[in-house]
Amino acid sequence: MRLLAAVNHISSCLSKLAFYCHVTLLRQRTRSITIGDQTQYFGLPILMLTRHSNFRLGAGCTLRSSLKSNALGVKHPIVFCTLREEAELIIGDRVGISGGTFCAATSITIGNSTLVGANVAIVDTDFHPISAAGRRSNRVDEIQSSPIAIGENVFIGMGSIILKGVTIGNNSVIGAGSVVTKDIPCDVVAAGNPCVVVRELIN
């Protein structure tokens, strides 16, 4: 057990070192990158940051990017991506993430102590025009994007998808496999496709 713990610790340190080296290179071209202290790394996250965008990772986070770091299985490393100049991706303190994708064309913010389950996708843009004509001619000006704001102490179940323009209130729980297309208030359990409130939480 001690040997396994030592191996895991060394692996985490190497992942952290590689991540910080990558961040150092990216700082030369992005507007702002802030990495908090005391974050645990299980495997190496992927950073894809557009020039002049903003990325903040809070203190005390847990980032699980390796297959064996989560019993539910991580399909790919965590992807942190900004798609446009001035886009921002802000992760609060003590946030836990297992695999998954975070793509910001405008803004994604995640509050303190929120837990993001395995293989969740949070994207604030449609990536492509909705109309067939727009897709054929690649009309970039028709692509719709809108900020996402996720509160504090939220739990997002594995395999969920959070789409553009959504706000999720503090303390709420999003059931596994949900597709969130509209705002979810504070202190509720919500689930389904489309995601709807199932019941209130009593603290």
N, C-alpha and C. Protein backbone atom coordinates (compact mmCIF):
# COMPACT_ATOMS: atom_id res chain seq x y z
N MET A 1 0.83 -1.21 0.00
CA MET A 1 0.00 0.00 0.00
C MET A 1 0.87 1.26 0.00
N ARG A 2 1.96 1.23 0.80
CA ARG A 2 2.84 2.39 0.84
C ARG A 2 3.51 2.62 -0.50
N LEU A 3 3.89 1.51 -1.17
CA LEU A 3 4.52 1.63 -2.49
C LEU A 3 3.55 2.23 -3.49
N LEU A 4 2.29 1.78 -3.46
CA LEU A 4 1.28 2.31 -4.37
C LEU A 4 1.06 3.80 -4.12
N ALA A 5 1.00 4.17 -2.84
CA ALA A 5 0.81 5.58 -2.50
C ALA A 5 1.98 6.42 -3.00
N ALA A 6 3.19 5.87 -2.87
CA ALA A 6 4.37 6.60 -3.33
C ALA A 6 4.35 6.77 -4.85
N VAL A 7 3.97 5.71 -5.56
CA VAL A 7 3.89 5.77 -7.02
C VAL A 7 2.85 6.81 -7.46
N ASN A 8 1.69 6.80 -6.81
CA ASN A 8 0.63 7.77 -7.13
C ASN A 8 1.10 9.20 -6.88
N HIS A 9 1.84 9.38 -5.78
CA HIS A 9 2.34 10.72 -5.45
C HIS A 9 3.34 11.20 -6.50
N ILE A 10 4.24 10.32 -6.89
CA ILE A 10 5.23 10.68 -7.92
C ILE A 10 4.54 11.00 -9.24
N SER A 11 3.56 10.18 -9.61
CA SER A 11 2.81 10.41 -10.85
C SER A 11 2.11 11.75 -10.83
N SER A 12 1.49 12.09 -9.68
CA SER A 12 0.80 13.38 -9.55
C SER A 12 1.79 14.53 -9.68
N CYS A 13 2.96 14.39 -9.07
CA CYS A 13 3.98 15.45 -9.13
C CYS A 13 4.47 15.66 -10.56
N LEU A 14 4.68 14.56 -11.29
CA LEU A 14 5.14 14.66 -12.68
C LEU A 14 4.08 15.31 -13.56
N SER A 15 2.81 14.94 -13.35
CA SER A 15 1.72 15.55 -14.11
C SER A 15 1.64 17.04 -13.83
N LYS A 16 1.80 17.39 -12.55
CA LYS A 16 1.76 18.80 -12.17
C LYS A 16 2.90 19.57 -12.82
N LEU A 17 4.09 19.00 -12.82
CA LEU A 17 5.25 19.65 -13.42
C LEU A 17 5.03 19.86 -14.93
N ALA A 18 4.54 18.82 -15.60
CA ALA A 18 4.29 18.93 -17.04
C ALA A 18 3.24 19.99 -17.34
N PHE A 19 2.19 20.03 -16.50
CA PHE A 19 1.12 21.01 -16.67
C PHE A 19 1.66 22.42 -16.51
N TYR A 20 2.48 22.63 -15.50
CA TYR A 20 3.03 23.97 -15.25
C TYR A 20 3.98 24.39 -16.36
N CYS A 21 4.72 23.46 -16.93
CA CYS A 21 5.58 23.78 -18.07
C CYS A 21 4.75 24.23 -19.26
N HIS A 22 3.64 23.53 -19.51
CA HIS A 22 2.74 23.89 -20.60
C HIS A 22 2.14 25.27 -20.36
N VAL A 23 1.71 25.52 -19.11
CA VAL A 23 1.14 26.82 -18.76
C VAL A 23 2.15 27.94 -18.99
N THR A 24 3.41 27.70 -18.64
CA THR A 24 4.46 28.70 -18.84
C THR A 24 4.59 29.09 -20.31
N LEU A 25 4.52 28.11 -21.19
CA LEU A 25 4.58 28.39 -22.62
C LEU A 25 3.35 29.16 -23.09
N LEU A 26 2.17 28.78 -22.60
CA LEU A 26 0.94 29.44 -23.04
C LEU A 26 0.86 30.88 -22.55
N ARG A 27 1.47 31.18 -21.41
CA ARG A 27 1.42 32.54 -20.87
C ARG A 27 2.03 33.56 -21.83
N GLN A 28 2.85 33.11 -22.74
CA GLN A 28 3.48 34.02 -23.69
C GLN A 28 2.48 34.58 -24.71
N ARG A 29 1.34 33.93 -24.87
CA ARG A 29 0.43 34.39 -25.91
C ARG A 29 -1.01 34.62 -25.44
N THR A 30 -1.37 34.16 -24.25
CA THR A 30 -2.73 34.37 -23.77
C THR A 30 -2.80 35.64 -22.94
N ARG A 31 -4.00 36.15 -22.74
CA ARG A 31 -4.19 37.38 -22.00
C ARG A 31 -3.91 37.18 -20.52
N SER A 32 -4.42 36.08 -19.97
CA SER A 32 -4.25 35.85 -18.53
C SER A 32 -4.43 34.38 -18.21
N ILE A 33 -3.46 33.80 -17.50
CA ILE A 33 -3.58 32.44 -16.96
C ILE A 33 -3.22 32.51 -15.48
N THR A 34 -4.13 32.00 -14.64
CA THR A 34 -3.88 31.94 -13.21
C THR A 34 -4.11 30.51 -12.74
N ILE A 35 -3.13 29.93 -12.06
CA ILE A 35 -3.22 28.57 -11.55
C ILE A 35 -3.07 28.62 -10.04
N GLY A 36 -4.09 28.15 -9.31
CA GLY A 36 -4.05 28.16 -7.85
C GLY A 36 -3.13 27.09 -7.28
N ASP A 37 -2.82 27.23 -6.01
CA ASP A 37 -1.95 26.28 -5.32
C ASP A 37 -2.73 25.04 -4.85
N GLN A 38 -1.99 24.02 -4.49
CA GLN A 38 -2.51 22.82 -3.81
C GLN A 38 -3.52 22.05 -4.63
N THR A 39 -3.39 22.11 -5.95
CA THR A 39 -4.25 21.30 -6.81
C THR A 39 -3.61 19.94 -7.04
N GLN A 40 -4.44 18.88 -7.02
CA GLN A 40 -3.97 17.52 -7.27
C GLN A 40 -4.22 17.17 -8.74
N TYR A 41 -3.21 16.57 -9.38
CA TYR A 41 -3.31 16.20 -10.78
C TYR A 41 -3.17 14.68 -10.91
N PHE A 42 -4.17 14.04 -11.50
CA PHE A 42 -4.11 12.62 -11.82
C PHE A 42 -4.14 12.52 -13.34
N GLY A 43 -2.96 12.44 -13.94
CA GLY A 43 -2.87 12.57 -15.37
C GLY A 43 -2.79 14.05 -15.75
N LEU A 44 -2.58 14.30 -17.03
CA LEU A 44 -2.30 15.65 -17.51
C LEU A 44 -3.50 16.22 -18.28
N PRO A 45 -4.09 17.33 -17.80
CA PRO A 45 -5.16 17.98 -18.56
C PRO A 45 -4.64 18.57 -19.87
N ILE A 46 -5.55 18.80 -20.79
CA ILE A 46 -5.22 19.42 -22.07
C ILE A 46 -5.67 20.88 -22.04
N LEU A 47 -4.76 21.80 -22.34
CA LEU A 47 -5.07 23.22 -22.43
C LEU A 47 -5.04 23.65 -23.89
N MET A 48 -6.17 24.20 -24.38
CA MET A 48 -6.25 24.72 -25.74
C MET A 48 -6.80 26.14 -25.62
N LEU A 49 -5.91 27.10 -25.48
CA LEU A 49 -6.30 28.47 -25.16
C LEU A 49 -5.99 29.41 -26.32
N THR A 50 -7.02 30.15 -26.73
CA THR A 50 -6.87 31.11 -27.81
C THR A 50 -6.11 32.35 -27.31
N ARG A 51 -5.39 32.95 -28.21
CA ARG A 51 -4.64 34.17 -27.88
C ARG A 51 -5.56 35.23 -27.26
N HIS A 52 -5.11 35.86 -26.20
CA HIS A 52 -5.82 36.95 -25.50
C HIS A 52 -7.06 36.48 -24.74
N SER A 53 -7.22 35.18 -24.54
CA SER A 53 -8.32 34.68 -23.70
C SER A 53 -7.86 34.61 -22.25
N ASN A 54 -8.81 34.29 -21.34
CA ASN A 54 -8.53 34.24 -19.92
C ASN A 54 -8.83 32.85 -19.36
N PHE A 55 -7.90 32.31 -18.58
CA PHE A 55 -8.12 31.02 -17.92
C PHE A 55 -7.69 31.14 -16.47
N ARG A 56 -8.58 30.72 -15.57
CA ARG A 56 -8.25 30.71 -14.15
C ARG A 56 -8.64 29.37 -13.55
N LEU A 57 -7.69 28.73 -12.90
CA LEU A 57 -7.94 27.50 -12.14
C LEU A 57 -7.68 27.82 -10.68
N GLY A 58 -8.70 27.65 -9.85
CA GLY A 58 -8.60 28.02 -8.44
C GLY A 58 -7.69 27.10 -7.64
N ALA A 59 -7.58 27.41 -6.35
CA ALA A 59 -6.72 26.64 -5.45
C ALA A 59 -7.43 25.39 -4.94
N GLY A 60 -6.64 24.36 -4.65
CA GLY A 60 -7.16 23.16 -4.01
C GLY A 60 -8.09 22.32 -4.86
N CYS A 61 -7.95 22.41 -6.17
CA CYS A 61 -8.80 21.62 -7.07
C CYS A 61 -8.26 20.19 -7.20
N THR A 62 -9.12 19.29 -7.68
CA THR A 62 -8.71 17.92 -7.99
C THR A 62 -9.06 17.63 -9.44
N LEU A 63 -8.03 17.36 -10.26
CA LEU A 63 -8.22 17.16 -11.69
C LEU A 63 -7.84 15.73 -12.04
N ARG A 64 -8.83 14.95 -12.47
CA ARG A 64 -8.63 13.53 -12.79
C ARG A 64 -8.71 13.35 -14.30
N SER A 65 -7.55 13.18 -14.92
CA SER A 65 -7.48 13.03 -16.38
C SER A 65 -7.08 11.63 -16.82
N SER A 66 -6.62 10.80 -15.90
CA SER A 66 -6.18 9.45 -16.29
C SER A 66 -7.31 8.44 -16.13
N LEU A 67 -7.26 7.41 -16.94
CA LEU A 67 -8.32 6.39 -16.98
C LEU A 67 -8.58 5.78 -15.62
N LYS A 68 -7.52 5.50 -14.87
CA LYS A 68 -7.66 4.78 -13.60
C LYS A 68 -7.90 5.70 -12.40
N SER A 69 -8.08 6.98 -12.65
CA SER A 69 -8.24 7.91 -11.53
C SER A 69 -9.67 8.02 -11.04
N ASN A 70 -10.61 7.39 -11.73
CA ASN A 70 -12.02 7.46 -11.36
C ASN A 70 -12.65 6.08 -11.63
N ALA A 71 -13.38 5.56 -10.65
CA ALA A 71 -13.96 4.23 -10.78
C ALA A 71 -14.96 4.13 -11.93
N LEU A 72 -15.56 5.26 -12.33
CA LEU A 72 -16.52 5.26 -13.43
C LEU A 72 -15.84 5.30 -14.79
N GLY A 73 -14.54 5.52 -14.81
CA GLY A 73 -13.80 5.57 -16.07
C GLY A 73 -13.78 6.96 -16.66
N VAL A 74 -12.59 7.43 -17.00
CA VAL A 74 -12.42 8.72 -17.66
C VAL A 74 -12.13 8.45 -19.13
N LYS A 75 -12.99 8.92 -20.02
CA LYS A 75 -12.85 8.60 -21.44
C LYS A 75 -11.70 9.33 -22.12
N HIS A 76 -11.39 10.51 -21.61
CA HIS A 76 -10.25 11.27 -22.14
C HIS A 76 -9.82 12.28 -21.08
N PRO A 77 -8.62 12.82 -21.22
CA PRO A 77 -8.18 13.82 -20.25
C PRO A 77 -9.11 15.03 -20.23
N ILE A 78 -9.09 15.76 -19.12
CA ILE A 78 -9.84 17.01 -19.05
C ILE A 78 -9.36 17.94 -20.16
N VAL A 79 -10.30 18.54 -20.87
CA VAL A 79 -9.98 19.52 -21.91
C VAL A 79 -10.48 20.89 -21.47
N PHE A 80 -9.57 21.83 -21.30
CA PHE A 80 -9.91 23.24 -21.04
C PHE A 80 -9.63 24.01 -22.32
N CYS A 81 -10.68 24.62 -22.90
CA CYS A 81 -10.55 25.23 -24.22
C CYS A 81 -11.24 26.58 -24.27
N THR A 82 -10.54 27.59 -24.78
CA THR A 82 -11.17 28.86 -25.13
C THR A 82 -11.10 29.01 -26.65
N LEU A 83 -12.21 29.41 -27.26
CA LEU A 83 -12.34 29.36 -28.71
C LEU A 83 -12.15 30.71 -29.39
N ARG A 84 -12.25 31.79 -28.62
CA ARG A 84 -12.14 33.12 -29.21
C ARG A 84 -11.29 34.03 -28.33
N GLU A 85 -10.78 35.08 -28.93
CA GLU A 85 -10.13 36.11 -28.14
C GLU A 85 -11.13 36.72 -27.16
N GLU A 86 -10.66 37.04 -25.97
CA GLU A 86 -11.45 37.61 -24.88
C GLU A 86 -12.37 36.60 -24.20
N ALA A 87 -12.44 35.37 -24.68
CA ALA A 87 -13.23 34.35 -23.97
C ALA A 87 -12.60 34.07 -22.62
N GLU A 88 -13.44 33.65 -21.65
CA GLU A 88 -12.89 33.35 -20.34
C GLU A 88 -13.45 32.04 -19.81
N LEU A 89 -12.56 31.31 -19.13
CA LEU A 89 -12.90 30.04 -18.49
C LEU A 89 -12.39 30.12 -17.06
N ILE A 90 -13.32 30.24 -16.12
CA ILE A 90 -12.97 30.52 -14.73
C ILE A 90 -13.44 29.36 -13.86
N ILE A 91 -12.50 28.64 -13.25
CA ILE A 91 -12.79 27.52 -12.36
C ILE A 91 -12.47 27.96 -10.93
N GLY A 92 -13.43 27.81 -10.02
CA GLY A 92 -13.26 28.27 -8.65
C GLY A 92 -12.34 27.38 -7.83
N ASP A 93 -12.29 27.65 -6.53
CA ASP A 93 -11.46 26.89 -5.61
C ASP A 93 -12.13 25.56 -5.23
N ARG A 94 -11.31 24.57 -4.97
CA ARG A 94 -11.76 23.26 -4.46
C ARG A 94 -12.76 22.58 -5.40
N VAL A 95 -12.62 22.80 -6.68
CA VAL A 95 -13.49 22.17 -7.68
C VAL A 95 -12.89 20.81 -8.05
N GLY A 96 -13.75 19.79 -8.15
CA GLY A 96 -13.33 18.47 -8.56
C GLY A 96 -13.84 18.15 -9.95
N ILE A 97 -12.95 17.67 -10.83
CA ILE A 97 -13.31 17.39 -12.22
C ILE A 97 -12.72 16.04 -12.62
N SER A 98 -13.53 15.19 -13.27
CA SER A 98 -13.06 13.90 -13.77
C SER A 98 -13.29 13.83 -15.28
N GLY A 99 -12.21 13.92 -16.05
CA GLY A 99 -12.37 13.92 -17.50
C GLY A 99 -13.23 15.11 -17.92
N GLY A 100 -13.85 15.01 -19.05
CA GLY A 100 -14.79 16.05 -19.45
C GLY A 100 -14.16 17.15 -20.28
N THR A 101 -15.05 18.00 -20.81
CA THR A 101 -14.67 19.05 -21.75
C THR A 101 -15.31 20.36 -21.34
N PHE A 102 -14.52 21.43 -21.36
CA PHE A 102 -14.98 22.77 -21.05
C PHE A 102 -14.57 23.67 -22.20
N CYS A 103 -15.53 24.11 -23.01
CA CYS A 103 -15.24 24.94 -24.17
C CYS A 103 -15.97 26.27 -24.06
N ALA A 104 -15.19 27.37 -24.00
CA ALA A 104 -15.77 28.70 -23.83
C ALA A 104 -15.48 29.55 -25.06
N ALA A 105 -16.56 29.99 -25.73
CA ALA A 105 -16.43 30.99 -26.77
C ALA A 105 -16.67 32.38 -26.20
N THR A 106 -17.48 32.44 -25.13
CA THR A 106 -17.72 33.71 -24.43
C THR A 106 -17.24 33.58 -22.98
N SER A 107 -18.00 32.83 -22.15
CA SER A 107 -17.62 32.73 -20.74
C SER A 107 -18.23 31.50 -20.09
N ILE A 108 -17.39 30.77 -19.36
CA ILE A 108 -17.84 29.70 -18.48
C ILE A 108 -17.24 29.97 -17.11
N THR A 109 -18.09 30.05 -16.08
CA THR A 109 -17.61 30.20 -14.71
C THR A 109 -18.19 29.08 -13.86
N ILE A 110 -17.34 28.52 -13.00
CA ILE A 110 -17.74 27.44 -12.11
C ILE A 110 -17.37 27.83 -10.70
N GLY A 111 -18.36 27.81 -9.79
CA GLY A 111 -18.16 28.29 -8.44
C GLY A 111 -17.36 27.34 -7.56
N ASN A 112 -16.98 27.84 -6.41
CA ASN A 112 -16.17 27.09 -5.46
C ASN A 112 -16.86 25.79 -5.03
N SER A 113 -16.07 24.77 -4.81
CA SER A 113 -16.52 23.49 -4.22
C SER A 113 -17.52 22.74 -5.07
N THR A 114 -17.60 23.06 -6.34
CA THR A 114 -18.47 22.31 -7.26
C THR A 114 -17.76 21.04 -7.72
N LEU A 115 -18.53 19.97 -7.89
CA LEU A 115 -18.00 18.69 -8.35
C LEU A 115 -18.58 18.38 -9.73
N VAL A 116 -17.69 18.10 -10.67
CA VAL A 116 -18.10 17.80 -12.04
C VAL A 116 -17.77 16.34 -12.31
N GLY A 117 -18.81 15.52 -12.47
CA GLY A 117 -18.66 14.08 -12.61
C GLY A 117 -17.96 13.67 -13.89
N ALA A 118 -17.73 12.37 -14.02
CA ALA A 118 -16.95 11.84 -15.14
C ALA A 118 -17.57 12.19 -16.49
N ASN A 119 -16.73 12.69 -17.38
CA ASN A 119 -17.06 12.85 -18.80
C ASN A 119 -18.19 13.83 -19.07
N VAL A 120 -18.29 14.86 -18.26
CA VAL A 120 -19.27 15.93 -18.47
C VAL A 120 -18.75 16.88 -19.56
N ALA A 121 -19.66 17.43 -20.36
CA ALA A 121 -19.30 18.45 -21.35
C ALA A 121 -20.03 19.74 -21.03
N ILE A 122 -19.27 20.83 -20.93
CA ILE A 122 -19.84 22.15 -20.66
C ILE A 122 -19.38 23.06 -21.78
N VAL A 123 -20.31 23.48 -22.65
CA VAL A 123 -19.95 24.25 -23.85
C VAL A 123 -20.93 25.41 -24.01
N ASP A 124 -20.39 26.60 -24.23
CA ASP A 124 -21.24 27.79 -24.30
C ASP A 124 -21.52 28.25 -25.72
N THR A 125 -21.32 27.37 -26.69
CA THR A 125 -21.50 27.72 -28.09
C THR A 125 -22.09 26.55 -28.87
N ASP A 126 -22.73 26.86 -29.99
CA ASP A 126 -23.25 25.81 -30.88
C ASP A 126 -22.18 25.25 -31.82
N PHE A 127 -21.03 25.89 -31.89
CA PHE A 127 -19.90 25.49 -32.75
C PHE A 127 -20.18 25.70 -34.24
N HIS A 128 -21.41 25.49 -34.67
CA HIS A 128 -21.77 25.61 -36.08
C HIS A 128 -23.08 26.38 -36.21
N PRO A 129 -23.34 27.01 -37.37
CA PRO A 129 -24.65 27.62 -37.59
C PRO A 129 -25.76 26.56 -37.51
N ILE A 130 -26.94 26.98 -37.08
CA ILE A 130 -28.07 26.05 -36.97
C ILE A 130 -28.69 25.75 -38.33
N SER A 131 -28.75 26.76 -39.19
CA SER A 131 -29.39 26.56 -40.49
C SER A 131 -28.51 25.72 -41.41
N ALA A 132 -29.16 24.94 -42.28
CA ALA A 132 -28.42 24.12 -43.23
C ALA A 132 -27.60 24.99 -44.17
N ALA A 133 -28.18 26.10 -44.61
CA ALA A 133 -27.46 27.01 -45.51
C ALA A 133 -26.24 27.59 -44.82
N GLY A 134 -26.41 27.94 -43.55
CA GLY A 134 -25.30 28.50 -42.79
C GLY A 134 -24.17 27.50 -42.61
N ARG A 135 -24.52 26.23 -42.40
CA ARG A 135 -23.49 25.20 -42.25
C ARG A 135 -22.75 24.96 -43.56
N ARG A 136 -23.51 24.95 -44.67
CA ARG A 136 -22.89 24.70 -45.98
C ARG A 136 -21.88 25.78 -46.34
N SER A 137 -22.24 27.02 -46.01
CA SER A 137 -21.37 28.15 -46.38
C SER A 137 -20.49 28.60 -45.22
N ASN A 138 -20.56 27.88 -44.11
CA ASN A 138 -19.71 28.16 -42.95
C ASN A 138 -19.82 29.63 -42.51
N ARG A 139 -21.06 30.06 -42.27
CA ARG A 139 -21.29 31.45 -41.84
C ARG A 139 -20.98 31.58 -40.35
N VAL A 140 -19.75 31.94 -40.07
CA VAL A 140 -19.29 32.03 -38.69
C VAL A 140 -20.09 33.03 -37.89
N ASP A 141 -20.56 34.10 -38.53
CA ASP A 141 -21.33 35.14 -37.83
C ASP A 141 -22.67 34.63 -37.32
N GLU A 142 -23.13 33.46 -37.81
CA GLU A 142 -24.42 32.91 -37.36
C GLU A 142 -24.27 31.97 -36.15
N ILE A 143 -23.06 31.66 -35.76
CA ILE A 143 -22.85 30.74 -34.63
C ILE A 143 -23.27 31.43 -33.33
N GLN A 144 -24.17 30.80 -32.60
CA GLN A 144 -24.68 31.39 -31.38
C GLN A 144 -23.90 30.92 -30.17
N SER A 145 -23.57 31.87 -29.28
CA SER A 145 -22.86 31.57 -28.03
C SER A 145 -23.47 32.42 -26.92
N SER A 146 -23.42 31.91 -25.71
CA SER A 146 -23.97 32.63 -24.56
C SER A 146 -23.33 32.09 -23.29
N PRO A 147 -23.02 32.97 -22.32
CA PRO A 147 -22.26 32.55 -21.13
C PRO A 147 -22.98 31.50 -20.29
N ILE A 148 -22.17 30.66 -19.64
CA ILE A 148 -22.64 29.66 -18.69
C ILE A 148 -22.12 30.04 -17.31
N ALA A 149 -22.99 29.99 -16.31
CA ALA A 149 -22.59 30.28 -14.92
C ALA A 149 -23.09 29.15 -14.03
N ILE A 150 -22.16 28.44 -13.40
CA ILE A 150 -22.49 27.35 -12.48
C ILE A 150 -22.08 27.78 -11.09
N GLY A 151 -23.01 27.68 -10.14
CA GLY A 151 -22.80 28.21 -8.79
C GLY A 151 -21.85 27.38 -7.94
N GLU A 152 -21.88 27.67 -6.65
CA GLU A 152 -21.04 26.97 -5.68
C GLU A 152 -21.72 25.71 -5.17
N ASN A 153 -20.92 24.72 -4.82
CA ASN A 153 -21.41 23.47 -4.20
C ASN A 153 -22.39 22.71 -5.10
N VAL A 154 -22.27 22.89 -6.39
CA VAL A 154 -23.12 22.16 -7.34
C VAL A 154 -22.49 20.79 -7.59
N PHE A 155 -23.33 19.80 -7.82
CA PHE A 155 -22.85 18.49 -8.26
C PHE A 155 -23.45 18.18 -9.62
N ILE A 156 -22.59 17.91 -10.60
CA ILE A 156 -23.04 17.57 -11.95
C ILE A 156 -22.70 16.12 -12.22
N GLY A 157 -23.74 15.30 -12.41
CA GLY A 157 -23.56 13.86 -12.57
C GLY A 157 -22.87 13.49 -13.88
N MET A 158 -22.29 12.30 -13.89
CA MET A 158 -21.48 11.83 -15.03
C MET A 158 -22.26 11.88 -16.35
N GLY A 159 -21.54 12.22 -17.41
CA GLY A 159 -22.12 12.20 -18.74
C GLY A 159 -23.11 13.30 -19.05
N SER A 160 -23.26 14.26 -18.17
CA SER A 160 -24.19 15.36 -18.44
C SER A 160 -23.60 16.34 -19.45
N ILE A 161 -24.50 17.09 -20.09
CA ILE A 161 -24.11 18.12 -21.06
C ILE A 161 -24.77 19.42 -20.64
N ILE A 162 -23.96 20.46 -20.45
CA ILE A 162 -24.47 21.78 -20.09
C ILE A 162 -24.28 22.67 -21.30
N LEU A 163 -25.39 23.23 -21.81
CA LEU A 163 -25.33 23.98 -23.06
C LEU A 163 -25.39 25.49 -22.82
N LYS A 164 -25.22 26.24 -23.88
CA LYS A 164 -25.02 27.69 -23.82
C LYS A 164 -26.15 28.41 -23.08
N GLY A 165 -25.78 29.50 -22.40
CA GLY A 165 -26.75 30.39 -21.77
C GLY A 165 -27.34 29.90 -20.47
N VAL A 166 -26.83 28.79 -19.92
CA VAL A 166 -27.43 28.18 -18.74
C VAL A 166 -26.79 28.73 -17.45
N THR A 167 -27.64 28.95 -16.45
CA THR A 167 -27.19 29.24 -15.09
C THR A 167 -27.69 28.13 -14.18
N ILE A 168 -26.80 27.58 -13.34
CA ILE A 168 -27.18 26.57 -12.36
C ILE A 168 -26.91 27.15 -10.98
N GLY A 169 -27.94 27.18 -10.14
CA GLY A 169 -27.84 27.82 -8.84
C GLY A 169 -27.03 27.03 -7.83
N ASN A 170 -26.62 27.69 -6.76
CA ASN A 170 -25.82 27.08 -5.70
C ASN A 170 -26.47 25.82 -5.14
N ASN A 171 -25.67 24.84 -4.83
CA ASN A 171 -26.06 23.62 -4.09
C ASN A 171 -26.90 22.63 -4.88
N SER A 172 -27.22 22.93 -6.11
CA SER A 172 -28.09 22.04 -6.87
C SER A 172 -27.35 20.81 -7.39
N VAL A 173 -28.12 19.76 -7.69
CA VAL A 173 -27.60 18.49 -8.18
C VAL A 173 -28.19 18.23 -9.56
N ILE A 174 -27.33 17.93 -10.52
CA ILE A 174 -27.76 17.58 -11.88
C ILE A 174 -27.55 16.09 -12.07
N GLY A 175 -28.63 15.36 -12.32
CA GLY A 175 -28.56 13.91 -12.45
C GLY A 175 -27.71 13.45 -13.62
N ALA A 176 -27.16 12.26 -13.50
CA ALA A 176 -26.28 11.71 -14.54
C ALA A 176 -26.99 11.67 -15.89
N GLY A 177 -26.24 12.01 -16.94
CA GLY A 177 -26.77 11.92 -18.30
C GLY A 177 -27.74 13.01 -18.68
N SER A 178 -27.85 14.05 -17.88
CA SER A 178 -28.80 15.12 -18.18
C SER A 178 -28.28 16.03 -19.30
N VAL A 179 -29.21 16.65 -20.01
CA VAL A 179 -28.88 17.67 -21.00
C VAL A 179 -29.54 18.96 -20.53
N VAL A 180 -28.72 19.90 -20.07
CA VAL A 180 -29.23 21.11 -19.44
C VAL A 180 -29.27 22.23 -20.47
N THR A 181 -30.49 22.65 -20.82
CA THR A 181 -30.68 23.68 -21.84
C THR A 181 -31.28 24.96 -21.28
N LYS A 182 -31.78 24.91 -20.03
CA LYS A 182 -32.40 26.08 -19.40
C LYS A 182 -31.89 26.21 -17.97
N ASP A 183 -32.08 27.38 -17.39
CA ASP A 183 -31.59 27.66 -16.04
C ASP A 183 -32.17 26.70 -15.01
N ILE A 184 -31.34 26.34 -14.04
CA ILE A 184 -31.74 25.51 -12.91
C ILE A 184 -31.55 26.33 -11.65
N PRO A 185 -32.57 26.45 -10.79
CA PRO A 185 -32.44 27.30 -9.60
C PRO A 185 -31.56 26.67 -8.52
N CYS A 186 -31.36 27.40 -7.44
CA CYS A 186 -30.58 26.91 -6.30
C CYS A 186 -31.32 25.79 -5.58
N ASP A 187 -30.59 24.92 -4.92
CA ASP A 187 -31.12 23.97 -3.94
C ASP A 187 -32.18 23.03 -4.50
N VAL A 188 -31.92 22.47 -5.69
CA VAL A 188 -32.85 21.51 -6.28
C VAL A 188 -32.08 20.32 -6.85
N VAL A 189 -32.80 19.22 -7.06
CA VAL A 189 -32.30 18.12 -7.87
C VAL A 189 -32.99 18.22 -9.22
N ALA A 190 -32.21 18.18 -10.30
CA ALA A 190 -32.76 18.27 -11.65
C ALA A 190 -32.14 17.18 -12.50
N ALA A 191 -32.94 16.65 -13.44
CA ALA A 191 -32.44 15.55 -14.26
C ALA A 191 -33.25 15.45 -15.54
N GLY A 192 -32.68 14.71 -16.51
CA GLY A 192 -33.43 14.38 -17.72
C GLY A 192 -32.92 15.10 -18.96
N ASN A 193 -33.54 14.78 -20.09
CA ASN A 193 -33.25 15.39 -21.38
C ASN A 193 -34.57 15.78 -22.04
N PRO A 194 -34.93 17.06 -21.96
CA PRO A 194 -34.19 18.17 -21.34
C PRO A 194 -34.26 18.11 -19.82
N CYS A 195 -33.27 18.69 -19.17
CA CYS A 195 -33.17 18.65 -17.71
C CYS A 195 -34.26 19.51 -17.07
N VAL A 196 -34.99 18.93 -16.12
CA VAL A 196 -36.04 19.66 -15.39
C VAL A 196 -35.89 19.39 -13.89
N VAL A 197 -36.44 20.27 -13.09
CA VAL A 197 -36.39 20.10 -11.64
C VAL A 197 -37.22 18.92 -11.21
N VAL A 198 -36.63 18.04 -10.43
CA VAL A 198 -37.30 16.85 -9.91
C VAL A 198 -37.85 17.09 -8.52
N ARG A 199 -37.03 17.71 -7.67
CA ARG A 199 -37.48 18.03 -6.32
C ARG A 199 -36.57 19.07 -5.72
N GLU A 200 -37.03 19.66 -4.63
CA GLU A 200 -36.21 20.62 -3.90
C GLU A 200 -35.34 19.91 -2.88
N LEU A 201 -34.21 20.51 -2.58
CA LEU A 201 -33.33 20.01 -1.53
C LEU A 201 -33.62 20.75 -0.24
N ILE A 202 -33.68 20.01 0.85
CA ILE A 202 -33.90 20.60 2.17
C ILE A 202 -32.60 20.50 2.95
N ASN A 203 -32.00 21.63 3.25
CA ASN A 203 -30.74 21.64 3.98
C ASN A 203 -30.97 21.62 5.49
